[in-house]
Amino acid sequence: MEAAGAQKPGERGGHAVIWQFDLLILVLLVVSAIVALHIRDLLSAALIFGVYSFLMCLLWAEMGAVDVAFTEAAVGAGVSTVFLVATIYNTKRRSSD
């Protein structure tokens, strides 16, 4: 007989852990980080950075840190990406490579 409120081995915070989902998010995080570092186009790198922040938001939410996930979504995927894209559009090239 289990104690009241005891968690089963496959549960975290009362929710079933889907380790395949966690693994998929982690793989996509690593891939998006590597792509953002190696891509030459600044606009594409800024958008991939936004994808990275959104994936971090999903990972925080999966771990149960909803407040951190909300902050990551608002600041990381939202405001920072908009600022980076706006900065890239307002920058002029000095040389013709």
C-alpha atoms as a PDB file:
ATOM      1  CA  MET A   1       0.000   0.000   0.000  1.00  0.00           C
ATOM      2  CA  GLU A   2       1.385   3.352  -1.041  1.00  0.00           C
ATOM      3  CA  ALA A   3       1.502   6.384   1.171  1.00  0.00           C
ATOM      4  CA  ALA A   4      -0.850   9.236   0.334  1.00  0.00           C
ATOM      5  CA  GLY A   5       0.799  11.707  -2.025  1.00  0.00           C
ATOM      6  CA  ALA A   6       3.718   9.403  -2.855  1.00  0.00           C
ATOM      7  CA  GLN A   7       5.041   9.725  -6.391  1.00  0.00           C
ATOM      8  CA  LYS A   8       5.489   6.785  -8.672  1.00  0.00           C
ATOM      9  CA  PRO A   9       8.917   6.270 -10.260  1.00  0.00           C
ATOM     10  CA  GLY A  10       7.878   7.770 -13.630  1.00  0.00           C
ATOM     11  CA  GLU A  11       6.237  10.909 -12.244  1.00  0.00           C
ATOM     12  CA  ARG A  12       7.511  14.386 -11.507  1.00  0.00           C
ATOM     13  CA  GLY A  13       5.281  16.739  -9.580  1.00  0.00           C
ATOM     14  CA  GLY A  14       2.189  14.634 -10.167  1.00  0.00           C
ATOM     15  CA  HIS A  15       2.682  14.605 -13.960  1.00  0.00           C
ATOM     16  CA  ALA A  16       3.938  11.659 -15.967  1.00  0.00           C
ATOM     17  CA  VAL A  17       7.461  12.249 -17.279  1.00  0.00           C
ATOM     18  CA  ILE A  18       7.746  11.829 -21.018  1.00  0.00           C
ATOM     19  CA  TRP A  19      11.478  11.319 -21.370  1.00  0.00           C
ATOM     20  CA  GLN A  20      11.250  11.149 -25.161  1.00  0.00           C
ATOM     21  CA  PHE A  21       9.857  14.698 -25.202  1.00  0.00           C
ATOM     22  CA  ASP A  22      12.668  15.901 -22.928  1.00  0.00           C
ATOM     23  CA  LEU A  23      15.259  14.195 -25.122  1.00  0.00           C
ATOM     24  CA  LEU A  24      13.779  15.723 -28.277  1.00  0.00           C
ATOM     25  CA  ILE A  25      13.873  19.210 -26.761  1.00  0.00           C
ATOM     26  CA  LEU A  26      17.476  18.747 -25.621  1.00  0.00           C
ATOM     27  CA  VAL A  27      18.585  17.520 -29.049  1.00  0.00           C
ATOM     28  CA  LEU A  28      16.830  20.438 -30.755  1.00  0.00           C
ATOM     29  CA  LEU A  29      18.453  22.843 -28.258  1.00  0.00           C
ATOM     30  CA  VAL A  30      21.930  21.591 -29.087  1.00  0.00           C
ATOM     31  CA  VAL A  31      21.248  21.649 -32.830  1.00  0.00           C
ATOM     32  CA  SER A  32      19.819  25.180 -32.759  1.00  0.00           C
ATOM     33  CA  ALA A  33      22.758  26.432 -30.673  1.00  0.00           C
ATOM     34  CA  ILE A  34      25.297  24.953 -33.089  1.00  0.00           C
ATOM     35  CA  VAL A  35      23.426  26.294 -36.127  1.00  0.00           C
ATOM     36  CA  ALA A  36      23.146  29.778 -34.577  1.00  0.00           C
ATOM     37  CA  LEU A  37      26.907  29.816 -33.984  1.00  0.00           C
ATOM     38  CA  HIS A  38      27.873  28.662 -37.468  1.00  0.00           C
ATOM     39  CA  ILE A  39      25.386  30.512 -39.678  1.00  0.00           C
ATOM     40  CA  ARG A  40      26.734  33.524 -41.588  1.00  0.00           C
ATOM     41  CA  ASP A  41      23.493  35.485 -42.039  1.00  0.00           C
ATOM     42  CA  LEU A  42      22.773  37.684 -39.018  1.00  0.00           C
ATOM     43  CA  LEU A  43      19.011  37.748 -39.505  1.00  0.00           C
ATOM     44  CA  SER A  44      18.844  33.954 -39.651  1.00  0.00           C
ATOM     45  CA  ALA A  45      21.047  33.710 -36.559  1.00  0.00           C
ATOM     46  CA  ALA A  46      18.725  36.076 -34.659  1.00  0.00           C
ATOM     47  CA  LEU A  47      15.680  34.019 -35.617  1.00  0.00           C
ATOM     48  CA  ILE A  48      17.393  30.771 -34.635  1.00  0.00           C
ATOM     49  CA  PHE A  49      18.256  32.413 -31.312  1.00  0.00           C
ATOM     50  CA  GLY A  50      14.504  33.024 -30.882  1.00  0.00           C
ATOM     51  CA  VAL A  51      13.847  29.340 -31.598  1.00  0.00           C
ATOM     52  CA  TYR A  52      16.486  28.429 -29.006  1.00  0.00           C
ATOM     53  CA  SER A  53      14.775  30.636 -26.411  1.00  0.00           C
ATOM     54  CA  PHE A  54      11.391  29.095 -27.210  1.00  0.00           C
ATOM     55  CA  LEU A  55      12.827  25.599 -26.782  1.00  0.00           C
ATOM     56  CA  MET A  56      14.286  26.666 -23.430  1.00  0.00           C
ATOM     57  CA  CYS A  57      10.812  27.911 -22.502  1.00  0.00           C
ATOM     58  CA  LEU A  58       9.391  24.469 -23.305  1.00  0.00           C
ATOM     59  CA  LEU A  59      12.110  22.792 -21.261  1.00  0.00           C
ATOM     60  CA  TRP A  60      11.482  25.025 -18.236  1.00  0.00           C
ATOM     61  CA  ALA A  61       7.743  24.359 -18.470  1.00  0.00           C
ATOM     62  CA  GLU A  62       8.359  20.594 -18.706  1.00  0.00           C
ATOM     63  CA  MET A  63      10.478  20.770 -15.544  1.00  0.00           C
ATOM     64  CA  GLY A  64       7.639  22.506 -13.714  1.00  0.00           C
ATOM     65  CA  ALA A  65       9.197  25.982 -13.490  1.00  0.00           C
ATOM     66  CA  VAL A  66       6.298  27.819 -15.098  1.00  0.00           C
ATOM     67  CA  ASP A  67       7.371  31.249 -13.859  1.00  0.00           C
ATOM     68  CA  VAL A  68      10.824  30.839 -15.394  1.00  0.00           C
ATOM     69  CA  ALA A  69       9.262  29.493 -18.603  1.00  0.00           C
ATOM     70  CA  PHE A  70       6.977  32.509 -18.858  1.00  0.00           C
ATOM     71  CA  THR A  71       9.891  34.886 -18.323  1.00  0.00           C
ATOM     72  CA  GLU A  72      11.983  33.052 -20.927  1.00  0.00           C
ATOM     73  CA  ALA A  73       9.121  33.249 -23.425  1.00  0.00           C
ATOM     74  CA  ALA A  74       8.521  36.942 -22.829  1.00  0.00           C
ATOM     75  CA  VAL A  75      12.117  38.137 -22.640  1.00  0.00           C
ATOM     76  CA  GLY A  76      14.151  35.540 -24.509  1.00  0.00           C
ATOM     77  CA  ALA A  77      11.891  34.507 -27.361  1.00  0.00           C
ATOM     78  CA  GLY A  78       9.932  37.750 -27.507  1.00  0.00           C
ATOM     79  CA  VAL A  79      11.686  40.980 -26.681  1.00  0.00           C
ATOM     80  CA  SER A  80      15.300  39.938 -27.353  1.00  0.00           C
ATOM     81  CA  THR A  81      14.486  38.507 -30.777  1.00  0.00           C
ATOM     82  CA  VAL A  82      12.530  41.615 -31.759  1.00  0.00           C
ATOM     83  CA  PHE A  83      15.410  43.859 -30.627  1.00  0.00           C
ATOM     84  CA  LEU A  84      17.978  41.786 -32.525  1.00  0.00           C
ATOM     85  CA  VAL A  85      15.932  41.787 -35.744  1.00  0.00           C
ATOM     86  CA  ALA A  86      15.224  45.537 -35.441  1.00  0.00           C
ATOM     87  CA  THR A  87      18.914  46.239 -34.874  1.00  0.00           C
ATOM     88  CA  ILE A  88      19.899  44.185 -37.920  1.00  0.00           C
ATOM     89  CA  TYR A  89      17.391  46.030 -40.120  1.00  0.00           C
ATOM     90  CA  ASN A  90      18.613  49.426 -38.894  1.00  0.00           C
ATOM     91  CA  THR A  91      22.288  48.638 -39.479  1.00  0.00           C
ATOM     92  CA  LYS A  92      23.942  49.778 -42.690  1.00  0.00           C
ATOM     93  CA  ARG A  93      26.827  47.997 -44.403  1.00  0.00           C
ATOM     94  CA  ARG A  94      30.019  50.036 -44.707  1.00  0.00           C
ATOM     95  CA  SER A  95      31.851  47.786 -47.127  1.00  0.00           C
ATOM     96  CA  SER A  96      30.798  45.749 -50.115  1.00  0.00           C
ATOM     97  CA  ASP A  97      32.245  42.363 -49.288  1.00  0.00           C
END
